[in-house]
Amino acid sequence: METVRINVSIPKNVFRELSQEVESRKRSRFITEAIMRLVKERRDRRLALEYQEAAKEINRINKELEGAINDGLD
């Protein structure tokens, strides 16, 4: 995997927590995995909301069409 080096500032207490949990040579991987997990969660939430909105629109259109079809059956 191609990597990019960045400079990130985090609060000291967050760094202490990270240091207690993860060996120094494994921090980049840990942070990458944490970021990817959070990005996926946010993307999944956004897609779920978009699907809900689309479902509402589909239901609205179906009701309109149902009314139009029923009007012609009298």
N, C-alpha and C. Protein backbone atom coordinates (compact mmCIF):
# COMPACT_ATOMS: atom_id res chain seq x y z
N MET A 1 0.85 -1.16 0.00
CA MET A 1 0.00 0.00 0.00
C MET A 1 0.90 1.24 0.00
N GLU A 2 0.60 2.16 -0.89
CA GLU A 2 1.34 3.41 -0.93
C GLU A 2 0.91 4.27 0.27
N THR A 3 1.85 4.92 0.90
CA THR A 3 1.53 5.72 2.08
C THR A 3 1.90 7.18 1.84
N VAL A 4 1.30 8.04 2.67
CA VAL A 4 1.57 9.47 2.67
C VAL A 4 1.88 9.86 4.10
N ARG A 5 2.89 10.64 4.28
CA ARG A 5 3.26 11.08 5.61
C ARG A 5 2.56 12.41 5.88
N ILE A 6 1.88 12.49 7.04
CA ILE A 6 1.19 13.73 7.42
C ILE A 6 1.59 14.11 8.83
N ASN A 7 1.33 15.33 9.18
CA ASN A 7 1.59 15.82 10.53
C ASN A 7 0.23 16.11 11.17
N VAL A 8 -0.08 15.45 12.26
CA VAL A 8 -1.36 15.59 12.93
C VAL A 8 -1.13 15.96 14.38
N SER A 9 -1.90 16.90 14.87
CA SER A 9 -1.82 17.27 16.29
C SER A 9 -3.00 16.66 17.03
N ILE A 10 -2.72 16.04 18.18
CA ILE A 10 -3.79 15.47 19.00
C ILE A 10 -3.55 15.92 20.45
N PRO A 11 -4.59 15.96 21.25
CA PRO A 11 -4.42 16.33 22.66
C PRO A 11 -3.49 15.35 23.39
N LYS A 12 -2.76 15.87 24.37
CA LYS A 12 -1.81 15.03 25.11
C LYS A 12 -2.48 13.83 25.74
N ASN A 13 -3.66 14.03 26.30
CA ASN A 13 -4.32 12.90 26.96
C ASN A 13 -4.69 11.80 25.96
N VAL A 14 -5.03 12.17 24.73
CA VAL A 14 -5.32 11.18 23.70
C VAL A 14 -4.05 10.43 23.33
N PHE A 15 -2.95 11.16 23.23
CA PHE A 15 -1.68 10.51 22.93
C PHE A 15 -1.28 9.54 24.03
N ARG A 16 -1.49 9.93 25.27
CA ARG A 16 -1.16 9.03 26.39
C ARG A 16 -1.99 7.75 26.32
N GLU A 17 -3.28 7.91 26.05
CA GLU A 17 -4.15 6.74 25.91
C GLU A 17 -3.68 5.84 24.78
N LEU A 18 -3.36 6.44 23.66
CA LEU A 18 -2.87 5.69 22.50
C LEU A 18 -1.58 4.96 22.85
N SER A 19 -0.69 5.64 23.50
CA SER A 19 0.61 5.05 23.86
C SER A 19 0.45 3.87 24.82
N GLN A 20 -0.53 3.95 25.69
CA GLN A 20 -0.77 2.85 26.63
C GLN A 20 -1.35 1.63 25.93
N GLU A 21 -2.08 1.84 24.86
CA GLU A 21 -2.76 0.75 24.17
C GLU A 21 -1.98 0.16 23.02
N VAL A 22 -1.14 0.98 22.36
CA VAL A 22 -0.52 0.56 21.11
C VAL A 22 0.99 0.81 21.16
N GLU A 23 1.76 -0.19 20.75
CA GLU A 23 3.22 -0.02 20.68
C GLU A 23 3.56 1.09 19.70
N SER A 24 4.68 1.77 19.95
CA SER A 24 5.04 2.92 19.13
C SER A 24 5.20 2.57 17.66
N ARG A 25 5.69 1.41 17.32
CA ARG A 25 5.91 1.03 15.93
C ARG A 25 4.62 0.58 15.23
N LYS A 26 3.52 0.54 15.97
CA LYS A 26 2.25 0.07 15.39
C LYS A 26 1.17 1.16 15.41
N ARG A 27 1.54 2.38 15.79
CA ARG A 27 0.55 3.45 15.90
C ARG A 27 -0.04 3.86 14.56
N SER A 28 0.80 3.96 13.53
CA SER A 28 0.28 4.38 12.23
C SER A 28 -0.80 3.43 11.73
N ARG A 29 -0.55 2.15 11.87
CA ARG A 29 -1.54 1.15 11.43
C ARG A 29 -2.82 1.26 12.25
N PHE A 30 -2.67 1.42 13.57
CA PHE A 30 -3.82 1.55 14.45
C PHE A 30 -4.65 2.77 14.06
N ILE A 31 -3.98 3.89 13.87
CA ILE A 31 -4.69 5.13 13.52
C ILE A 31 -5.36 4.99 12.16
N THR A 32 -4.68 4.38 11.20
CA THR A 32 -5.26 4.16 9.88
C THR A 32 -6.52 3.32 9.99
N GLU A 33 -6.46 2.24 10.74
CA GLU A 33 -7.63 1.37 10.90
C GLU A 33 -8.78 2.11 11.59
N ALA A 34 -8.45 2.91 12.59
CA ALA A 34 -9.49 3.67 13.30
C ALA A 34 -10.15 4.68 12.37
N ILE A 35 -9.36 5.36 11.56
CA ILE A 35 -9.90 6.33 10.62
C ILE A 35 -10.78 5.63 9.59
N MET A 36 -10.30 4.52 9.05
CA MET A 36 -11.08 3.81 8.04
C MET A 36 -12.40 3.30 8.62
N ARG A 37 -12.38 2.84 9.85
CA ARG A 37 -13.61 2.36 10.50
C ARG A 37 -14.60 3.53 10.64
N LEU A 38 -14.11 4.68 11.09
CA LEU A 38 -14.98 5.83 11.27
C LEU A 38 -15.51 6.34 9.93
N VAL A 39 -14.67 6.39 8.92
CA VAL A 39 -15.10 6.82 7.59
C VAL A 39 -16.19 5.88 7.07
N LYS A 40 -16.01 4.58 7.24
CA LYS A 40 -17.01 3.61 6.78
C LYS A 40 -18.33 3.80 7.53
N GLU A 41 -18.26 4.00 8.84
CA GLU A 41 -19.48 4.21 9.63
C GLU A 41 -20.22 5.45 9.15
N ARG A 42 -19.48 6.53 8.92
CA ARG A 42 -20.12 7.77 8.45
C ARG A 42 -20.72 7.58 7.07
N ARG A 43 -20.01 6.90 6.18
CA ARG A 43 -20.52 6.64 4.83
C ARG A 43 -21.78 5.77 4.90
N ASP A 44 -21.74 4.73 5.74
CA ASP A 44 -22.90 3.84 5.88
C ASP A 44 -24.11 4.60 6.40
N ARG A 45 -23.89 5.49 7.39
CA ARG A 45 -25.00 6.29 7.93
C ARG A 45 -25.58 7.21 6.85
N ARG A 46 -24.69 7.86 6.08
CA ARG A 46 -25.13 8.75 5.03
C ARG A 46 -25.93 7.99 3.97
N LEU A 47 -25.43 6.82 3.56
CA LEU A 47 -26.14 6.02 2.57
C LEU A 47 -27.50 5.55 3.09
N ALA A 48 -27.54 5.17 4.36
CA ALA A 48 -28.80 4.73 4.96
C ALA A 48 -29.83 5.85 4.91
N LEU A 49 -29.41 7.07 5.23
CA LEU A 49 -30.32 8.21 5.17
C LEU A 49 -30.77 8.47 3.74
N GLU A 50 -29.85 8.36 2.79
CA GLU A 50 -30.22 8.56 1.39
C GLU A 50 -31.21 7.50 0.93
N TYR A 51 -31.01 6.26 1.34
CA TYR A 51 -31.95 5.19 0.98
C TYR A 51 -33.33 5.42 1.61
N GLN A 52 -33.34 5.90 2.86
CA GLN A 52 -34.62 6.20 3.51
C GLN A 52 -35.37 7.29 2.76
N GLU A 53 -34.65 8.33 2.36
CA GLU A 53 -35.28 9.41 1.60
C GLU A 53 -35.80 8.90 0.26
N ALA A 54 -35.01 8.07 -0.40
CA ALA A 54 -35.44 7.51 -1.69
C ALA A 54 -36.68 6.64 -1.50
N ALA A 55 -36.71 5.86 -0.43
CA ALA A 55 -37.87 4.99 -0.16
C ALA A 55 -39.13 5.84 0.07
N LYS A 56 -38.99 6.95 0.78
CA LYS A 56 -40.14 7.84 0.99
C LYS A 56 -40.66 8.37 -0.34
N GLU A 57 -39.73 8.77 -1.21
CA GLU A 57 -40.12 9.29 -2.51
C GLU A 57 -40.80 8.21 -3.35
N ILE A 58 -40.26 7.00 -3.33
CA ILE A 58 -40.86 5.89 -4.07
C ILE A 58 -42.26 5.61 -3.55
N ASN A 59 -42.43 5.60 -2.24
CA ASN A 59 -43.76 5.36 -1.66
C ASN A 59 -44.73 6.46 -2.06
N ARG A 60 -44.28 7.70 -2.07
CA ARG A 60 -45.13 8.82 -2.46
C ARG A 60 -45.58 8.65 -3.91
N ILE A 61 -44.65 8.32 -4.80
CA ILE A 61 -44.97 8.14 -6.21
C ILE A 61 -45.92 6.96 -6.40
N ASN A 62 -45.67 5.86 -5.68
CA ASN A 62 -46.56 4.69 -5.78
C ASN A 62 -47.98 5.04 -5.37
N LYS A 63 -48.13 5.84 -4.32
CA LYS A 63 -49.48 6.23 -3.88
C LYS A 63 -50.16 7.09 -4.93
N GLU A 64 -49.38 8.00 -5.54
CA GLU A 64 -49.96 8.83 -6.61
C GLU A 64 -50.39 7.96 -7.79
N LEU A 65 -49.55 7.04 -8.17
CA LEU A 65 -49.88 6.15 -9.30
C LEU A 65 -51.07 5.26 -8.96
N GLU A 66 -51.12 4.78 -7.73
CA GLU A 66 -52.24 3.94 -7.31
C GLU A 66 -53.54 4.71 -7.43
N GLY A 67 -53.50 5.97 -7.02
CA GLY A 67 -54.71 6.81 -7.14
C GLY A 67 -55.09 7.02 -8.58
N ALA A 68 -54.11 7.25 -9.44
CA ALA A 68 -54.39 7.47 -10.86
C ALA A 68 -54.95 6.22 -11.52
N ILE A 69 -54.40 5.06 -11.17
CA ILE A 69 -54.90 3.80 -11.72
C ILE A 69 -56.31 3.52 -11.25
N ASN A 70 -56.58 3.74 -9.96
CA ASN A 70 -57.91 3.51 -9.41
C ASN A 70 -58.95 4.45 -10.01
N ASP A 71 -58.55 5.67 -10.34
CA ASP A 71 -59.48 6.63 -10.94
C ASP A 71 -60.02 6.12 -12.27
N GLY A 72 -59.24 5.40 -13.01
CA GLY A 72 -59.66 4.92 -14.33
C GLY A 72 -60.51 3.67 -14.28
N LEU A 73 -60.67 3.06 -13.12
CA LEU A 73 -61.40 1.79 -13.01
C LEU A 73 -62.88 1.99 -12.67
N ASP A 74 -63.30 3.17 -12.43
CA ASP A 74 -64.72 3.39 -12.07
C ASP A 74 -65.66 3.21 -13.21
